[in-house]
C-alpha cells in the first residue's frame, strides 16, 4: 500500500489472521471491525469464522479498526511423574521412567520438559514436545549408581506453554490483536473463565543406596 494517496486514487489493504505470530495454543475466536463514524455503507460487524479482510482505501472512507480475537487454551491438566526403584546398590545399573501427561481435553503445543539426575540434565528427555489431548509420553532413563553419596536425587518438570492455562484459576479476556487504519477502542469485550488446576508439574524422587553398599 502506498504511503500517500491522491484524492482520485484508490488502494486496498488485506489483514490476515496468520500474519499475527502467536503460540499455536491460542484459539481463534473471530474477526471484528468497527467504523468511525458508522454509516449505511460502512457498518460495524463481526464473524466467528472469517480469517482475513480486505479494505478499499480512498479519501472518503471513515476510520476503521479490525480485531482478530484469540483466547488461551483452557486445558489445565499438565503433570509429570517419576517411577523409580526405592533402592539401588552402589555400582549397579538402574533405570527409571519419567512420564509427562496432558490429561485435559485440549492439545498442548510446544510444552517444555526437563529432568535431572543429581542436578545433571537428562539428555534422553527432549526440550519441547507437543501433547494431544489425553495423552502421555514416557522416557526410560538408564544410569549406573557410581556416586559417592548415599542418595541419588531425581527431578522432573513440565512447563506451561504460552497461550495455555494451567495452575491458576482466573477470569480473562481473549487476547485481541488487530490491524487498524485509525485506532479506536473495541466495543465488544468478552470474557472466559479457566478452571483451577489440581495437577503436579514438578516432581522428584530419591534412590537410597543401602548402608552395606556405602564406602567405609
Protein backbone atom coordinates (compact mmCIF):
# COMPACT_ATOMS: atom_id res chain seq x y z
CA UNK A 1 0.00 0.00 0.00
CA UNK A 2 1.41 3.45 -0.90
CA UNK A 3 2.25 5.83 1.92
CA UNK A 4 0.26 8.69 0.34
CA UNK A 5 -2.88 8.68 -1.81
CA UNK A 6 -4.20 11.46 -4.03
CA UNK A 7 -7.97 12.12 -3.85
CA UNK A 8 -8.56 10.39 -7.17
CA UNK A 9 -6.60 7.27 -6.14
CA UNK A 10 -7.89 4.07 -4.54
CA UNK A 11 -5.86 1.35 -2.83
CA UNK A 12 -6.60 -1.68 -0.70
CA UNK A 13 -5.05 -3.49 2.24
CA UNK A 14 -5.61 -7.05 3.47
CA UNK A 15 -5.28 -8.16 7.09
CA UNK A 16 -4.92 -11.91 7.77
CA UNK A 17 -5.12 -13.91 10.98
CA UNK A 18 -2.00 -15.88 10.10
CA UNK A 19 0.07 -12.69 9.83
CA UNK A 20 -0.07 -12.50 13.64
CA UNK A 21 2.69 -14.60 15.17
CA UNK A 22 1.23 -16.33 18.21
CA UNK A 23 1.70 -19.62 20.00
CA UNK A 24 -0.32 -22.45 18.49
CA UNK A 25 -2.04 -22.81 21.85
CA UNK A 26 -4.11 -19.67 21.27
CA UNK A 27 -7.58 -20.45 19.90
CA UNK A 28 -9.02 -18.21 17.22
CA UNK A 29 -12.33 -16.60 18.25
CA UNK A 30 -13.17 -14.48 15.22
CA UNK A 31 -12.84 -11.13 13.48
CA UNK A 32 -14.44 -7.80 14.39
CA UNK A 33 -14.46 -4.48 12.53
CA UNK A 34 -15.57 -1.01 13.67
CA UNK A 35 -16.01 2.19 11.64
CA UNK A 36 -15.90 5.76 12.94
CA UNK A 37 -18.35 7.15 12.08
CA UNK A 38 -20.53 4.18 11.16
CA UNK A 39 -22.60 4.82 8.02
CA UNK A 40 -25.09 2.95 5.85
CA UNK A 41 -22.24 1.96 3.53
CA UNK A 42 -19.67 1.25 6.24
CA UNK A 43 -21.24 -0.76 9.06
CA UNK A 44 -19.67 -2.45 12.06
CA UNK A 45 -19.63 -6.24 12.10
CA UNK A 46 -18.03 -9.44 13.29
CA UNK A 47 -17.54 -13.04 12.20
CA UNK A 48 -16.51 -16.14 14.14
CA UNK A 49 -15.13 -17.90 11.04
CA UNK A 50 -13.66 -15.17 8.82
CA UNK A 51 -9.86 -15.17 8.97
CA UNK A 52 -8.97 -12.23 6.69
CA UNK A 53 -10.45 -8.99 5.47
CA UNK A 54 -9.65 -6.63 2.60
CA UNK A 55 -10.45 -2.93 2.89
CA UNK A 56 -10.52 -0.48 -0.01
CA UNK A 57 -9.00 2.86 0.88
CA UNK A 58 -9.87 6.26 -0.54
CA UNK A 59 -10.25 9.76 0.82
CA UNK A 60 -13.93 9.33 1.80
CA UNK A 61 -13.58 6.19 3.90
CA UNK A 62 -14.23 6.50 7.65
CA UNK A 63 -11.55 5.46 10.08
CA UNK A 64 -11.72 1.72 10.76
CA UNK A 65 -10.18 -0.80 13.09
CA UNK A 66 -10.05 -4.58 12.65
CA UNK A 67 -9.69 -7.01 15.58
CA UNK A 68 -8.51 -10.61 15.33
CA UNK A 69 -9.63 -12.18 18.61
CA UNK A 70 -7.85 -15.06 20.34
CA UNK A 71 -8.07 -16.74 23.71
CA UNK A 72 -5.72 -19.04 25.56
CA UNK A 73 -6.44 -22.75 25.61
CA UNK A 74 -8.40 -23.72 28.72
CA UNK A 75 -6.94 -27.21 29.19
CA UNK A 76 -5.32 -27.35 32.60
CA UNK A 77 -4.07 -30.86 33.24
CA UNK A 78 -0.31 -30.95 32.61
CA UNK A 79 1.58 -33.13 35.07
CA UNK A 80 4.73 -35.23 35.47
CA UNK A 81 5.56 -38.35 37.47
CA UNK A 82 8.69 -40.43 38.13
CA UNK A 83 8.66 -44.20 38.53
CA UNK A 84 11.90 -45.40 40.12
CA UNK A 85 13.10 -48.12 42.49
CA UNK A 86 13.41 -47.19 46.15
CA UNK A 87 16.98 -48.51 46.47
CA UNK A 88 19.94 -49.36 44.25
CA UNK A 89 23.27 -50.98 45.12
CA UNK A 90 26.36 -48.90 44.58
CA UNK A 91 27.97 -49.67 41.23
CA UNK A 92 24.85 -51.38 39.86
CA UNK A 93 22.91 -50.27 36.82
CA UNK A 94 19.40 -48.97 37.39
CA UNK A 95 16.60 -47.43 35.36
CA UNK A 96 13.63 -45.19 35.97
CA UNK A 97 10.82 -43.71 33.89
CA UNK A 98 9.70 -40.09 33.64
CA UNK A 99 6.10 -39.73 32.48
CA UNK A 100 4.77 -36.41 31.18
CA UNK A 101 0.99 -36.14 30.85
CA UNK A 102 -1.68 -33.93 29.36
CA UNK A 103 -4.87 -35.24 30.96
CA UNK A 104 -7.04 -32.39 29.70
CA UNK A 105 -9.38 -32.27 26.74
CA UNK A 106 -7.30 -29.77 24.73
CA UNK A 107 -3.97 -30.26 22.93
CA UNK A 108 -0.89 -28.50 24.28
CA UNK A 109 1.82 -27.34 21.88
CA UNK A 110 5.49 -26.53 22.48
CA UNK A 111 5.48 -27.81 26.06
CA UNK A 112 8.89 -27.54 27.75
CA UNK A 113 10.21 -30.64 29.50
CA UNK A 114 13.15 -31.11 31.83
CA UNK A 115 14.61 -33.78 34.07
CA UNK A 116 17.80 -34.15 36.11
CA UNK A 117 19.79 -36.80 37.96
CA UNK A 118 21.69 -35.21 40.84
CA UNK A 119 21.33 -31.86 39.08
CA UNK A 120 22.61 -33.08 35.70
CA UNK A 121 20.22 -32.72 32.77
CA UNK A 122 18.72 -35.91 31.35
CA UNK A 123 19.54 -35.80 27.64
CA UNK A 124 17.06 -38.54 26.81
CA UNK A 125 14.23 -36.09 27.51
CA UNK A 126 13.53 -33.62 24.66
CA UNK A 127 13.41 -29.90 25.38
CA UNK A 128 9.90 -29.42 23.94
CA UNK A 129 7.06 -31.69 22.88
CA UNK A 130 3.50 -31.42 21.57
CA UNK A 131 0.81 -33.25 23.53
CA UNK A 132 -2.54 -34.19 22.01
CA UNK A 133 -5.46 -34.22 24.43
CA UNK A 134 -5.45 -37.03 27.00
CA UNK A 135 -2.01 -38.37 26.12
CA UNK A 136 1.25 -39.09 27.90
CA UNK A 137 4.88 -39.50 26.88
CA UNK A 138 7.22 -41.75 28.85
CA UNK A 139 11.03 -41.69 28.79
CA UNK A 140 13.10 -44.53 30.22
CA UNK A 141 16.44 -43.42 31.63
CA UNK A 142 19.28 -45.84 32.41
CA UNK A 143 22.18 -44.94 34.69
CA UNK A 144 24.86 -46.51 36.92
CA UNK A 145 24.95 -45.84 40.66
CA UNK A 146 28.52 -44.60 40.65
CA UNK A 147 28.02 -41.71 43.08
CA UNK A 148 29.91 -41.45 46.37
CA UNK A 149 26.79 -40.02 48.03
CA UNK A 150 24.19 -42.03 49.94
CA UNK A 151 21.31 -40.92 47.70
CA UNK A 152 20.53 -40.31 44.05
CA UNK A 153 18.12 -37.44 43.50
CA UNK A 154 15.78 -37.45 40.52
CA UNK A 155 13.84 -34.35 39.47
CA UNK A 156 11.43 -33.59 36.61
CA UNK A 157 9.39 -30.62 35.45
CA UNK A 158 6.75 -29.90 32.79
CA UNK A 159 6.30 -26.27 31.77
CA UNK A 160 3.16 -24.34 30.87
CA UNK A 161 3.49 -23.05 27.29
CA UNK A 162 2.38 -19.64 26.12
CA UNK A 163 -1.34 -19.49 25.47
CA UNK A 164 -2.19 -22.44 27.73
CA UNK A 165 -3.87 -22.06 31.12
CA UNK A 166 -2.64 -24.21 33.98
CA UNK A 167 -2.38 -24.00 37.76
CA UNK A 168 -4.23 -20.69 38.32
CA UNK A 169 -7.95 -20.02 38.20
CA UNK A 170 -8.69 -16.66 36.60
CA UNK A 171 -11.15 -14.71 34.52
CA UNK A 172 -9.61 -13.18 31.46
CA UNK A 173 -10.46 -11.55 28.19
CA UNK A 174 -9.49 -13.13 24.89
CA UNK A 175 -6.28 -11.71 23.51
CA UNK A 176 -7.19 -9.22 20.79
CA UNK A 177 -4.69 -8.38 18.06
CA UNK A 178 -5.61 -6.08 15.28
CA UNK A 179 -4.71 -4.22 12.14
CA UNK A 180 -6.03 -0.71 12.00
CA UNK A 181 -6.23 2.40 9.88
CA UNK A 182 -7.20 4.57 12.85
CA UNK A 183 -7.01 3.32 16.48
CA UNK A 184 -10.24 3.04 18.43
CA UNK A 185 -11.36 1.06 21.47
CA UNK A 186 -13.43 -2.04 20.72
CA UNK A 187 -16.98 -2.07 21.96
CA UNK A 188 -17.39 -5.82 22.35
CA UNK A 189 -15.14 -7.24 25.09
CA UNK A 190 -15.69 -10.88 26.04
CA UNK A 191 -14.62 -13.00 28.98
CA UNK A 192 -13.73 -16.61 29.60
CA UNK A 193 -13.15 -18.50 32.83
CA UNK A 194 -10.35 -21.01 33.18
CA UNK A 195 -10.72 -23.79 35.76
CA UNK A 196 -8.48 -24.50 38.72
CA UNK A 197 -5.66 -26.97 38.16
CA UNK A 198 -5.16 -29.87 40.52
CA UNK A 199 -2.13 -31.34 38.82
CA UNK A 200 1.54 -31.61 39.74
CA UNK A 201 4.00 -30.02 37.32
CA UNK A 202 7.18 -30.64 39.37
CA UNK A 203 8.10 -33.98 40.92
CA UNK A 204 11.15 -35.59 42.45
CA UNK A 205 12.30 -38.96 43.77
CA UNK A 206 15.21 -40.24 45.84
CA UNK A 207 17.01 -43.56 45.37
CA UNK A 208 18.69 -44.73 48.55
CA UNK A 209 21.96 -46.68 48.49
CA UNK A 210 21.79 -49.31 51.29
CA UNK A 211 24.26 -48.91 54.16
CA UNK A 212 26.02 -52.16 53.30
CA UNK A 213 26.96 -50.64 49.94
CA UNK A 214 28.34 -47.41 51.32
CA UNK A 215 32.11 -46.91 51.31
CA UNK A 216 33.83 -47.05 54.73
